[in-house]
């Protein structure tokens, strides 16, 4: 008669964003289900089911897969952003991107091959990630 409410995941209960601070360099891949803020350097791939925020001093040299991204720093690699990619004036992006929606502020450096897909339904996102 009464459905049990769905159990919240640990990250839902925390309500926090993962964070790597300036001055930190990570070599390897990062995978997360939660939102993520990077102010350091990642030499490797990044995958998230949430939002990626790159601060002005952040650098990623590798592939990025996420739902939304706000970029102030530098990305060099292939990016797949299923919803919105926002490039701030200080952003430097090079490589290949596939994005649902794109916003580029004046001053951003945008040296990419870009494919606009529109916002993808969840089923299509899972096919793209494979």
C-alpha atoms as a PDB file:
ATOM      1  CA  UNK A   1       0.000   0.000   0.000  1.00  0.00           C
ATOM      2  CA  UNK A   2       2.732   2.458   0.895  1.00  0.00           C
ATOM      3  CA  UNK A   3       5.886   2.557  -1.170  1.00  0.00           C
ATOM      4  CA  UNK A   4       9.093   2.929   0.757  1.00  0.00           C
ATOM      5  CA  UNK A   5      10.895   6.115  -0.179  1.00  0.00           C
ATOM      6  CA  UNK A   6      14.029   5.525  -2.223  1.00  0.00           C
ATOM      7  CA  UNK A   7      17.132   5.425  -0.112  1.00  0.00           C
ATOM      8  CA  UNK A   8      19.397   8.397  -0.779  1.00  0.00           C
ATOM      9  CA  UNK A   9      22.947   7.685  -1.821  1.00  0.00           C
ATOM     10  CA  UNK A  10      25.830   8.756   0.347  1.00  0.00           C
ATOM     11  CA  UNK A  11      26.659  11.652  -1.987  1.00  0.00           C
ATOM     12  CA  UNK A  12      23.028  12.851  -1.934  1.00  0.00           C
ATOM     13  CA  UNK A  13      23.109  12.893   1.841  1.00  0.00           C
ATOM     14  CA  UNK A  14      26.359  14.864   1.888  1.00  0.00           C
ATOM     15  CA  UNK A  15      25.170  17.526  -0.551  1.00  0.00           C
ATOM     16  CA  UNK A  16      28.803  18.468  -1.121  1.00  0.00           C
ATOM     17  CA  UNK A  17      31.073  18.930  -4.086  1.00  0.00           C
ATOM     18  CA  UNK A  18      34.383  17.088  -4.472  1.00  0.00           C
ATOM     19  CA  UNK A  19      37.297  19.523  -4.636  1.00  0.00           C
ATOM     20  CA  UNK A  20      40.950  19.465  -5.662  1.00  0.00           C
ATOM     21  CA  UNK A  21      42.736  22.661  -4.665  1.00  0.00           C
ATOM     22  CA  UNK A  22      45.328  24.784  -6.466  1.00  0.00           C
ATOM     23  CA  UNK A  23      48.861  23.427  -6.150  1.00  0.00           C
ATOM     24  CA  UNK A  24      47.717  19.789  -6.436  1.00  0.00           C
ATOM     25  CA  UNK A  25      48.606  17.648  -9.468  1.00  0.00           C
ATOM     26  CA  UNK A  26      46.889  14.319 -10.069  1.00  0.00           C
ATOM     27  CA  UNK A  27      48.209  11.847 -12.628  1.00  0.00           C
ATOM     28  CA  UNK A  28      45.527   9.301 -13.487  1.00  0.00           C
ATOM     29  CA  UNK A  29      41.783   9.194 -14.011  1.00  0.00           C
ATOM     30  CA  UNK A  30      39.008  10.554 -11.811  1.00  0.00           C
ATOM     31  CA  UNK A  31      35.516   9.009 -11.809  1.00  0.00           C
ATOM     32  CA  UNK A  32      32.686  10.349  -9.648  1.00  0.00           C
ATOM     33  CA  UNK A  33      28.898  10.473  -9.488  1.00  0.00           C
ATOM     34  CA  UNK A  34      28.952  13.826  -7.687  1.00  0.00           C
ATOM     35  CA  UNK A  35      29.760  17.390  -8.735  1.00  0.00           C
ATOM     36  CA  UNK A  36      33.454  18.254  -8.844  1.00  0.00           C
ATOM     37  CA  UNK A  37      35.523  21.445  -8.602  1.00  0.00           C
ATOM     38  CA  UNK A  38      39.114  21.378  -9.837  1.00  0.00           C
ATOM     39  CA  UNK A  39      41.563  24.205  -9.157  1.00  0.00           C
ATOM     40  CA  UNK A  40      44.677  22.048  -9.597  1.00  0.00           C
ATOM     41  CA  UNK A  41      46.060  19.977 -12.480  1.00  0.00           C
ATOM     42  CA  UNK A  42      44.710  16.654 -13.795  1.00  0.00           C
ATOM     43  CA  UNK A  43      46.906  14.694 -16.184  1.00  0.00           C
ATOM     44  CA  UNK A  44      44.368  12.048 -17.150  1.00  0.00           C
ATOM     45  CA  UNK A  45      40.692  11.515 -17.871  1.00  0.00           C
ATOM     46  CA  UNK A  46      37.717  12.842 -15.899  1.00  0.00           C
ATOM     47  CA  UNK A  47      34.229  11.265 -15.767  1.00  0.00           C
ATOM     48  CA  UNK A  48      31.275  12.551 -13.733  1.00  0.00           C
ATOM     49  CA  UNK A  49      27.515  12.171 -13.713  1.00  0.00           C
ATOM     50  CA  UNK A  50      27.293  15.726 -12.384  1.00  0.00           C
ATOM     51  CA  UNK A  51      28.789  19.181 -12.950  1.00  0.00           C
ATOM     52  CA  UNK A  52      32.477  19.918 -13.468  1.00  0.00           C
ATOM     53  CA  UNK A  53      33.748  23.347 -12.430  1.00  0.00           C
ATOM     54  CA  UNK A  54      37.286  24.302 -13.462  1.00  0.00           C
ATOM     55  CA  UNK A  55      38.749  27.295 -11.672  1.00  0.00           C
ATOM     56  CA  UNK A  56      40.999  29.828 -13.413  1.00  0.00           C
ATOM     57  CA  UNK A  57      44.222  28.006 -12.444  1.00  0.00           C
ATOM     58  CA  UNK A  58      42.912  24.513 -13.317  1.00  0.00           C
ATOM     59  CA  UNK A  59      44.317  22.383 -16.141  1.00  0.00           C
ATOM     60  CA  UNK A  60      43.043  19.089 -17.547  1.00  0.00           C
ATOM     61  CA  UNK A  61      45.127  17.262 -20.130  1.00  0.00           C
ATOM     62  CA  UNK A  62      42.884  14.330 -21.019  1.00  0.00           C
ATOM     63  CA  UNK A  63      39.315  13.415 -21.907  1.00  0.00           C
ATOM     64  CA  UNK A  64      36.311  14.810 -20.024  1.00  0.00           C
ATOM     65  CA  UNK A  65      32.817  13.293 -19.802  1.00  0.00           C
ATOM     66  CA  UNK A  66      30.208  15.057 -17.670  1.00  0.00           C
ATOM     67  CA  UNK A  67      26.663  16.384 -17.588  1.00  0.00           C
ATOM     68  CA  UNK A  68      27.450  20.125 -17.219  1.00  0.00           C
ATOM     69  CA  UNK A  69      30.723  22.068 -17.160  1.00  0.00           C
ATOM     70  CA  UNK A  70      31.791  25.591 -16.206  1.00  0.00           C
ATOM     71  CA  UNK A  71      35.310  26.238 -17.444  1.00  0.00           C
ATOM     72  CA  UNK A  72      37.595  29.099 -16.390  1.00  0.00           C
ATOM     73  CA  UNK A  73      40.873  27.186 -16.753  1.00  0.00           C
ATOM     74  CA  UNK A  74      42.422  25.063 -19.491  1.00  0.00           C
ATOM     75  CA  UNK A  75      41.279  21.808 -21.105  1.00  0.00           C
ATOM     76  CA  UNK A  76      43.269  19.960 -23.762  1.00  0.00           C
ATOM     77  CA  UNK A  77      41.515  16.815 -24.959  1.00  0.00           C
ATOM     78  CA  UNK A  78      38.191  15.368 -25.985  1.00  0.00           C
ATOM     79  CA  UNK A  79      35.138  16.661 -24.073  1.00  0.00           C
ATOM     80  CA  UNK A  80      31.648  15.162 -24.016  1.00  0.00           C
ATOM     81  CA  UNK A  81      29.197  17.377 -22.114  1.00  0.00           C
ATOM     82  CA  UNK A  82      25.653  16.032 -22.371  1.00  0.00           C
ATOM     83  CA  UNK A  83      23.946  19.262 -21.272  1.00  0.00           C
ATOM     84  CA  UNK A  84      25.537  22.728 -20.945  1.00  0.00           C
ATOM     85  CA  UNK A  85      29.167  23.788 -21.410  1.00  0.00           C
ATOM     86  CA  UNK A  86      29.922  27.329 -20.248  1.00  0.00           C
ATOM     87  CA  UNK A  87      33.286  28.822 -21.174  1.00  0.00           C
ATOM     88  CA  UNK A  88      34.241  31.881 -19.120  1.00  0.00           C
ATOM     89  CA  UNK A  89      36.460  34.666 -20.516  1.00  0.00           C
ATOM     90  CA  UNK A  90      39.630  33.084 -19.054  1.00  0.00           C
ATOM     91  CA  UNK A  91      38.955  29.600 -20.516  1.00  0.00           C
ATOM     92  CA  UNK A  92      41.376  27.963 -22.963  1.00  0.00           C
ATOM     93  CA  UNK A  93      39.906  24.871 -24.618  1.00  0.00           C
ATOM     94  CA  UNK A  94      41.506  22.831 -27.390  1.00  0.00           C
ATOM     95  CA  UNK A  95      40.661  19.446 -28.848  1.00  0.00           C
ATOM     96  CA  UNK A  96      37.344  17.942 -29.812  1.00  0.00           C
ATOM     97  CA  UNK A  97      34.024  18.561 -28.051  1.00  0.00           C
ATOM     98  CA  UNK A  98      30.518  17.182 -28.216  1.00  0.00           C
ATOM     99  CA  UNK A  99      28.027  19.303 -26.310  1.00  0.00           C
ATOM    100  CA  UNK A 100      24.293  19.761 -25.773  1.00  0.00           C
ATOM    101  CA  UNK A 101      24.383  23.544 -25.301  1.00  0.00           C
ATOM    102  CA  UNK A 102      27.325  25.933 -25.541  1.00  0.00           C
ATOM    103  CA  UNK A 103      27.978  29.384 -24.079  1.00  0.00           C
ATOM    104  CA  UNK A 104      31.267  31.167 -24.809  1.00  0.00           C
ATOM    105  CA  UNK A 105      32.110  34.472 -23.143  1.00  0.00           C
ATOM    106  CA  UNK A 106      34.173  37.011 -25.100  1.00  0.00           C
ATOM    107  CA  UNK A 107      37.868  36.456 -24.435  1.00  0.00           C
ATOM    108  CA  UNK A 108      37.711  32.660 -24.192  1.00  0.00           C
ATOM    109  CA  UNK A 109      40.145  30.745 -26.414  1.00  0.00           C
ATOM    110  CA  UNK A 110      38.205  28.056 -28.282  1.00  0.00           C
ATOM    111  CA  UNK A 111      40.400  25.915 -30.596  1.00  0.00           C
ATOM    112  CA  UNK A 112      38.189  22.866 -31.108  1.00  0.00           C
ATOM    113  CA  UNK A 113      36.202  20.735 -33.447  1.00  0.00           C
ATOM    114  CA  UNK A 114      32.695  21.093 -32.037  1.00  0.00           C
ATOM    115  CA  UNK A 115      29.611  18.907 -32.432  1.00  0.00           C
ATOM    116  CA  UNK A 116      26.353  20.339 -31.066  1.00  0.00           C
ATOM    117  CA  UNK A 117      23.956  17.543 -30.118  1.00  0.00           C
ATOM    118  CA  UNK A 118      21.252  19.364 -28.190  1.00  0.00           C
ATOM    119  CA  UNK A 119      20.503  18.087 -24.710  1.00  0.00           C
ATOM    120  CA  UNK A 120      20.523  14.288 -24.885  1.00  0.00           C
ATOM    121  CA  UNK A 121      18.026  12.065 -23.080  1.00  0.00           C
ATOM    122  CA  UNK A 122      19.564   9.758 -20.451  1.00  0.00           C
ATOM    123  CA  UNK A 123      19.419   6.703 -22.752  1.00  0.00           C
ATOM    124  CA  UNK A 124      21.479   8.478 -25.428  1.00  0.00           C
ATOM    125  CA  UNK A 125      24.032   9.697 -22.861  1.00  0.00           C
ATOM    126  CA  UNK A 126      24.784   6.139 -21.782  1.00  0.00           C
ATOM    127  CA  UNK A 127      25.348   5.083 -25.418  1.00  0.00           C
ATOM    128  CA  UNK A 128      27.734   8.021 -25.980  1.00  0.00           C
ATOM    129  CA  UNK A 129      29.805   7.202 -22.893  1.00  0.00           C
ATOM    130  CA  UNK A 130      30.613   3.683 -24.096  1.00  0.00           C
END
